[in-house]
N, C-alpha and C. Protein backbone atom coordinates (compact mmCIF):
# COMPACT_ATOMS: atom_id res chain seq x y z
N MET A 1 12.64 4.35 30.60
CA MET A 1 13.55 3.26 30.41
C MET A 1 14.07 2.73 31.74
N PHE A 2 14.10 3.57 32.76
CA PHE A 2 14.59 3.09 34.04
C PHE A 2 13.42 2.96 35.01
N ASP A 3 13.62 2.15 36.02
CA ASP A 3 12.61 1.98 37.05
C ASP A 3 12.81 3.01 38.16
N HIS A 4 14.05 3.15 38.62
CA HIS A 4 14.35 4.15 39.64
C HIS A 4 15.86 4.42 39.66
N ILE A 5 16.21 5.49 40.32
CA ILE A 5 17.61 5.89 40.48
C ILE A 5 17.85 6.07 41.97
N MET A 6 19.01 5.62 42.44
CA MET A 6 19.38 5.88 43.83
C MET A 6 20.61 6.77 43.85
N LEU A 7 20.52 7.83 44.65
CA LEU A 7 21.64 8.75 44.84
C LEU A 7 22.10 8.66 46.29
N LYS A 8 23.38 8.60 46.48
CA LYS A 8 23.96 8.72 47.82
C LYS A 8 24.09 10.20 48.11
N VAL A 9 23.70 10.61 49.32
CA VAL A 9 23.72 12.02 49.71
C VAL A 9 24.42 12.18 51.05
N LYS A 10 25.10 13.30 51.22
CA LYS A 10 25.83 13.55 52.46
C LYS A 10 24.89 13.79 53.64
N ASP A 11 23.85 14.58 53.41
CA ASP A 11 22.93 14.97 54.47
C ASP A 11 21.51 14.60 54.02
N LEU A 12 20.99 13.51 54.54
CA LEU A 12 19.70 13.00 54.10
C LEU A 12 18.57 13.99 54.38
N ASN A 13 18.59 14.65 55.53
CA ASN A 13 17.52 15.60 55.85
C ASN A 13 17.54 16.80 54.92
N SER A 14 18.71 17.33 54.63
CA SER A 14 18.83 18.46 53.71
C SER A 14 18.36 18.08 52.31
N SER A 15 18.77 16.90 51.86
CA SER A 15 18.37 16.45 50.53
C SER A 15 16.87 16.15 50.47
N LYS A 16 16.34 15.60 51.53
CA LYS A 16 14.89 15.34 51.57
C LYS A 16 14.12 16.64 51.46
N ARG A 17 14.56 17.67 52.19
CA ARG A 17 13.92 18.98 52.14
C ARG A 17 13.99 19.56 50.72
N PHE A 18 15.18 19.49 50.11
CA PHE A 18 15.37 20.00 48.75
C PHE A 18 14.46 19.29 47.75
N TYR A 19 14.52 17.96 47.72
CA TYR A 19 13.74 17.21 46.73
C TYR A 19 12.25 17.28 46.99
N SER A 20 11.83 17.36 48.25
CA SER A 20 10.40 17.51 48.54
C SER A 20 9.86 18.78 47.91
N ALA A 21 10.60 19.88 48.03
CA ALA A 21 10.17 21.15 47.46
C ALA A 21 10.29 21.16 45.94
N ALA A 22 11.44 20.73 45.43
CA ALA A 22 11.71 20.83 43.99
C ALA A 22 10.82 19.90 43.17
N LEU A 23 10.52 18.73 43.69
CA LEU A 23 9.76 17.75 42.89
C LEU A 23 8.25 17.84 43.07
N ALA A 24 7.79 18.57 44.07
CA ALA A 24 6.34 18.72 44.28
C ALA A 24 5.62 19.27 43.04
N PRO A 25 6.16 20.29 42.36
CA PRO A 25 5.47 20.79 41.17
C PRO A 25 5.39 19.76 40.03
N LEU A 26 6.20 18.71 40.11
CA LEU A 26 6.19 17.67 39.08
C LEU A 26 5.32 16.49 39.47
N GLY A 27 4.66 16.59 40.62
CA GLY A 27 3.76 15.52 41.06
C GLY A 27 4.44 14.44 41.89
N PHE A 28 5.66 14.68 42.35
CA PHE A 28 6.40 13.72 43.18
C PHE A 28 6.23 14.08 44.64
N SER A 29 6.18 13.07 45.48
CA SER A 29 6.17 13.27 46.92
C SER A 29 6.90 12.09 47.56
N VAL A 30 7.14 12.19 48.85
CA VAL A 30 7.80 11.09 49.56
C VAL A 30 6.86 9.90 49.61
N GLN A 31 7.34 8.77 49.12
CA GLN A 31 6.56 7.53 49.11
C GLN A 31 7.03 6.57 50.20
N TYR A 32 8.26 6.77 50.66
CA TYR A 32 8.84 5.90 51.69
C TYR A 32 9.93 6.68 52.39
N ASP A 33 9.97 6.54 53.72
CA ASP A 33 10.99 7.23 54.50
C ASP A 33 11.28 6.40 55.74
N ALA A 34 12.24 5.50 55.64
CA ALA A 34 12.62 4.65 56.76
C ALA A 34 13.96 4.00 56.45
N ASP A 35 14.59 3.49 57.48
CA ASP A 35 15.83 2.73 57.33
C ASP A 35 16.92 3.49 56.58
N GLY A 36 16.94 4.83 56.72
CA GLY A 36 17.98 5.63 56.08
C GLY A 36 17.79 5.81 54.59
N ILE A 37 16.58 5.58 54.10
CA ILE A 37 16.28 5.75 52.68
C ILE A 37 15.02 6.59 52.54
N VAL A 38 15.05 7.54 51.61
CA VAL A 38 13.87 8.34 51.28
C VAL A 38 13.59 8.12 49.80
N VAL A 39 12.35 7.77 49.48
CA VAL A 39 11.97 7.46 48.11
C VAL A 39 10.89 8.43 47.65
N PHE A 40 11.11 9.03 46.49
CA PHE A 40 10.17 9.97 45.88
C PHE A 40 9.56 9.38 44.63
N GLY A 41 8.36 9.81 44.34
CA GLY A 41 7.73 9.43 43.08
C GLY A 41 6.27 9.81 43.12
N PRO A 42 5.60 9.59 42.00
CA PRO A 42 4.15 9.66 42.05
C PRO A 42 3.66 8.43 42.82
N LYS A 43 2.45 8.47 43.29
CA LYS A 43 1.89 7.34 44.05
C LYS A 43 2.07 6.04 43.29
N ASP A 44 2.59 5.05 43.98
CA ASP A 44 2.79 3.70 43.45
C ASP A 44 3.80 3.62 42.31
N ALA A 45 4.63 4.65 42.15
CA ALA A 45 5.64 4.61 41.09
C ALA A 45 6.93 5.29 41.56
N PRO A 46 7.59 4.72 42.57
CA PRO A 46 8.82 5.35 43.06
C PRO A 46 9.87 5.47 41.97
N ALA A 47 10.54 6.62 41.92
CA ALA A 47 11.50 6.86 40.84
C ALA A 47 12.87 7.33 41.34
N LEU A 48 12.89 8.02 42.48
CA LEU A 48 14.16 8.55 42.99
C LEU A 48 14.33 8.12 44.44
N CYS A 49 15.43 7.44 44.70
CA CYS A 49 15.75 7.00 46.06
C CYS A 49 16.99 7.74 46.53
N LEU A 50 16.95 8.18 47.78
CA LEU A 50 18.09 8.84 48.40
C LEU A 50 18.54 7.99 49.58
N ALA A 51 19.85 7.83 49.73
CA ALA A 51 20.41 7.09 50.86
C ALA A 51 21.61 7.85 51.37
N LYS A 52 21.75 7.90 52.68
CA LYS A 52 22.91 8.58 53.27
C LYS A 52 24.17 7.81 52.91
N GLY A 53 25.17 8.55 52.46
CA GLY A 53 26.44 7.95 52.10
C GLY A 53 27.30 8.95 51.39
N GLU A 54 28.43 8.52 50.94
CA GLU A 54 29.34 9.40 50.20
C GLU A 54 28.90 9.47 48.75
N PRO A 55 28.52 10.67 48.28
CA PRO A 55 28.13 10.79 46.86
C PRO A 55 29.24 10.30 45.94
N THR A 56 28.86 9.66 44.86
CA THR A 56 29.83 9.08 43.93
C THR A 56 30.28 10.06 42.86
N GLY A 57 29.83 11.28 42.96
CA GLY A 57 30.21 12.29 41.98
C GLY A 57 28.97 12.90 41.39
N PRO A 58 29.08 14.06 40.82
CA PRO A 58 27.89 14.69 40.28
C PRO A 58 27.29 13.87 39.14
N VAL A 59 25.98 13.76 39.17
CA VAL A 59 25.23 13.11 38.10
C VAL A 59 24.19 14.10 37.57
N HIS A 60 23.61 13.77 36.45
CA HIS A 60 22.55 14.58 35.87
C HIS A 60 21.30 13.72 35.83
N VAL A 61 20.24 14.22 36.46
CA VAL A 61 18.95 13.53 36.45
C VAL A 61 17.92 14.51 35.92
N ALA A 62 17.17 14.10 34.90
CA ALA A 62 16.14 14.95 34.31
C ALA A 62 14.77 14.33 34.55
N PHE A 63 13.85 15.14 35.07
CA PHE A 63 12.49 14.71 35.34
C PHE A 63 11.55 15.33 34.31
N VAL A 64 10.58 14.56 33.85
CA VAL A 64 9.60 15.05 32.89
C VAL A 64 8.62 15.98 33.60
N ALA A 65 8.37 17.11 32.99
CA ALA A 65 7.36 18.05 33.47
C ALA A 65 6.21 18.05 32.48
N LYS A 66 4.98 18.18 32.97
CA LYS A 66 3.82 18.11 32.08
C LYS A 66 3.67 19.31 31.18
N ASN A 67 4.26 20.45 31.62
CA ASN A 67 4.20 21.65 30.78
C ASN A 67 5.32 22.60 31.21
N ARG A 68 5.44 23.69 30.49
CA ARG A 68 6.51 24.65 30.77
C ARG A 68 6.32 25.34 32.11
N ALA A 69 5.08 25.54 32.51
CA ALA A 69 4.82 26.15 33.81
C ALA A 69 5.35 25.26 34.94
N ALA A 70 5.25 23.96 34.78
CA ALA A 70 5.77 23.03 35.80
C ALA A 70 7.29 23.09 35.86
N VAL A 71 7.94 23.31 34.72
CA VAL A 71 9.41 23.47 34.73
C VAL A 71 9.77 24.70 35.55
N LYS A 72 9.07 25.80 35.32
CA LYS A 72 9.34 27.03 36.06
C LYS A 72 9.04 26.84 37.55
N ALA A 73 7.94 26.16 37.87
CA ALA A 73 7.57 25.92 39.27
C ALA A 73 8.63 25.06 39.96
N PHE A 74 9.16 24.05 39.27
CA PHE A 74 10.24 23.23 39.80
C PHE A 74 11.44 24.11 40.14
N TYR A 75 11.86 24.91 39.20
CA TYR A 75 13.02 25.79 39.37
C TYR A 75 12.80 26.76 40.54
N ASP A 76 11.63 27.39 40.56
CA ASP A 76 11.32 28.37 41.60
C ASP A 76 11.24 27.73 42.98
N ALA A 77 10.81 26.49 43.07
CA ALA A 77 10.72 25.79 44.36
C ALA A 77 12.08 25.28 44.81
N ALA A 78 12.94 24.92 43.87
CA ALA A 78 14.23 24.32 44.20
C ALA A 78 15.22 25.32 44.81
N LEU A 79 15.22 26.54 44.33
CA LEU A 79 16.22 27.52 44.79
C LEU A 79 16.09 27.84 46.28
N PRO A 80 14.92 28.20 46.79
CA PRO A 80 14.85 28.49 48.22
C PRO A 80 14.99 27.25 49.10
N ALA A 81 14.91 26.06 48.50
CA ALA A 81 15.05 24.81 49.27
C ALA A 81 16.50 24.32 49.29
N GLY A 82 17.42 25.15 48.85
CA GLY A 82 18.83 24.78 48.91
C GLY A 82 19.47 24.51 47.56
N GLY A 83 18.72 24.64 46.48
CA GLY A 83 19.27 24.44 45.15
C GLY A 83 20.04 25.66 44.68
N LYS A 84 20.91 25.45 43.72
CA LYS A 84 21.67 26.55 43.12
C LYS A 84 21.39 26.57 41.62
N ASP A 85 21.21 27.76 41.10
CA ASP A 85 20.93 27.92 39.67
C ASP A 85 21.99 27.25 38.82
N ASN A 86 21.53 26.48 37.84
CA ASN A 86 22.45 25.88 36.87
C ASN A 86 21.89 26.03 35.46
N GLY A 87 20.93 26.92 35.29
CA GLY A 87 20.32 27.18 33.99
C GLY A 87 18.85 27.49 34.15
N LYS A 88 18.50 28.77 34.01
CA LYS A 88 17.11 29.19 34.17
C LYS A 88 16.20 28.49 33.16
N PRO A 89 14.92 28.33 33.50
CA PRO A 89 13.99 27.70 32.56
C PRO A 89 13.97 28.44 31.23
N GLY A 90 14.01 27.67 30.18
CA GLY A 90 13.96 28.25 28.84
C GLY A 90 14.12 27.20 27.77
N LEU A 91 13.92 27.64 26.55
CA LEU A 91 14.10 26.75 25.41
C LEU A 91 15.57 26.43 25.23
N ARG A 92 15.84 25.20 24.85
CA ARG A 92 17.19 24.74 24.53
C ARG A 92 17.13 24.12 23.13
N PRO A 93 17.01 24.96 22.09
CA PRO A 93 16.83 24.43 20.73
C PRO A 93 18.02 23.62 20.24
N GLN A 94 19.17 23.75 20.90
CA GLN A 94 20.32 22.94 20.50
C GLN A 94 20.07 21.46 20.80
N TYR A 95 19.11 21.15 21.71
CA TYR A 95 18.77 19.76 22.02
C TYR A 95 17.64 19.27 21.12
N SER A 96 16.57 20.07 21.01
CA SER A 96 15.47 19.81 20.08
C SER A 96 14.58 21.04 20.05
N ALA A 97 13.73 21.14 19.06
CA ALA A 97 12.96 22.36 18.81
C ALA A 97 12.10 22.78 20.01
N ASN A 98 11.51 21.83 20.73
CA ASN A 98 10.62 22.16 21.84
C ASN A 98 11.20 21.80 23.19
N TYR A 99 12.50 21.66 23.31
CA TYR A 99 13.14 21.28 24.56
C TYR A 99 13.15 22.49 25.50
N TYR A 100 12.31 22.43 26.54
CA TYR A 100 12.21 23.52 27.52
C TYR A 100 12.63 22.95 28.86
N GLY A 101 13.77 23.41 29.38
CA GLY A 101 14.30 22.85 30.61
C GLY A 101 14.74 23.91 31.60
N GLY A 102 14.79 23.50 32.85
CA GLY A 102 15.33 24.32 33.92
C GLY A 102 16.26 23.44 34.75
N PHE A 103 17.40 23.98 35.16
CA PHE A 103 18.45 23.20 35.81
C PHE A 103 18.84 23.81 37.15
N VAL A 104 19.01 22.95 38.16
CA VAL A 104 19.51 23.38 39.46
C VAL A 104 20.52 22.34 39.96
N LYS A 105 21.42 22.79 40.81
CA LYS A 105 22.33 21.88 41.50
C LYS A 105 21.70 21.56 42.85
N ASP A 106 21.67 20.29 43.20
CA ASP A 106 21.14 19.88 44.50
C ASP A 106 22.21 20.10 45.57
N PRO A 107 21.91 19.83 46.85
CA PRO A 107 22.90 20.08 47.90
C PRO A 107 24.22 19.32 47.74
N ASP A 108 24.24 18.25 46.95
CA ASP A 108 25.48 17.49 46.72
C ASP A 108 26.14 17.83 45.39
N GLY A 109 25.61 18.81 44.66
CA GLY A 109 26.22 19.23 43.41
C GLY A 109 25.71 18.50 42.18
N ASN A 110 24.70 17.65 42.33
CA ASN A 110 24.13 16.97 41.17
C ASN A 110 23.31 17.94 40.34
N ASN A 111 23.33 17.77 39.03
CA ASN A 111 22.58 18.61 38.10
C ASN A 111 21.19 18.02 37.95
N ILE A 112 20.19 18.68 38.53
CA ILE A 112 18.83 18.19 38.50
C ILE A 112 18.02 19.08 37.57
N GLU A 113 17.27 18.45 36.69
CA GLU A 113 16.56 19.18 35.62
C GLU A 113 15.10 18.76 35.58
N ALA A 114 14.26 19.72 35.24
CA ALA A 114 12.88 19.45 34.82
C ALA A 114 12.81 19.84 33.37
N VAL A 115 12.19 18.99 32.55
CA VAL A 115 12.14 19.24 31.11
C VAL A 115 10.75 18.92 30.56
N CYS A 116 10.33 19.75 29.63
CA CYS A 116 9.08 19.55 28.92
C CYS A 116 9.38 19.60 27.43
N HIS A 117 8.82 18.65 26.68
CA HIS A 117 9.05 18.59 25.24
C HIS A 117 7.81 19.03 24.45
N GLN A 118 6.82 19.57 25.15
CA GLN A 118 5.57 19.99 24.51
C GLN A 118 5.70 21.42 23.98
N GLU A 119 4.99 21.70 22.91
CA GLU A 119 4.93 23.07 22.42
C GLU A 119 4.17 23.92 23.43
N GLU A 120 4.41 25.23 23.40
CA GLU A 120 3.73 26.15 24.31
C GLU A 120 2.25 26.12 24.04
C-alpha cells in the first residue's frame, strides 16, 4: 500500500550498518547513499529511506519475509548489528493463524519486524 517510508535517525552510519545487516536476509540492500540519505530496497524498488535528523518517536515497520527461515535470519542478523530483542521469531496466533514474526529495536528505538504469513 505504501511506496516507501522515511525515518529520521540520530546516527546515519550506525543505522546504515544495522539496516544493511538486518534487511539483507529479506533481499534488501542499499540502493542509494548520498546527500545524507540512505535508501534500502530490492533492486529498482526502494522502500526504506533513512535521513539524519531528530527521530520523531518510535514507529513500527514490518517487512515481508518470504518464509519463516528469513524471519529468523533477519532477527539473527539484526542483533549483532546493534538491534535489541523485542520479540523472538515465532508464531503470533493472536494476529492470525500463520502470523510468524520476529521483532527488534533499531538504534533509535523503532520496532522493526520481519513477518511471514505462509504456512510452514
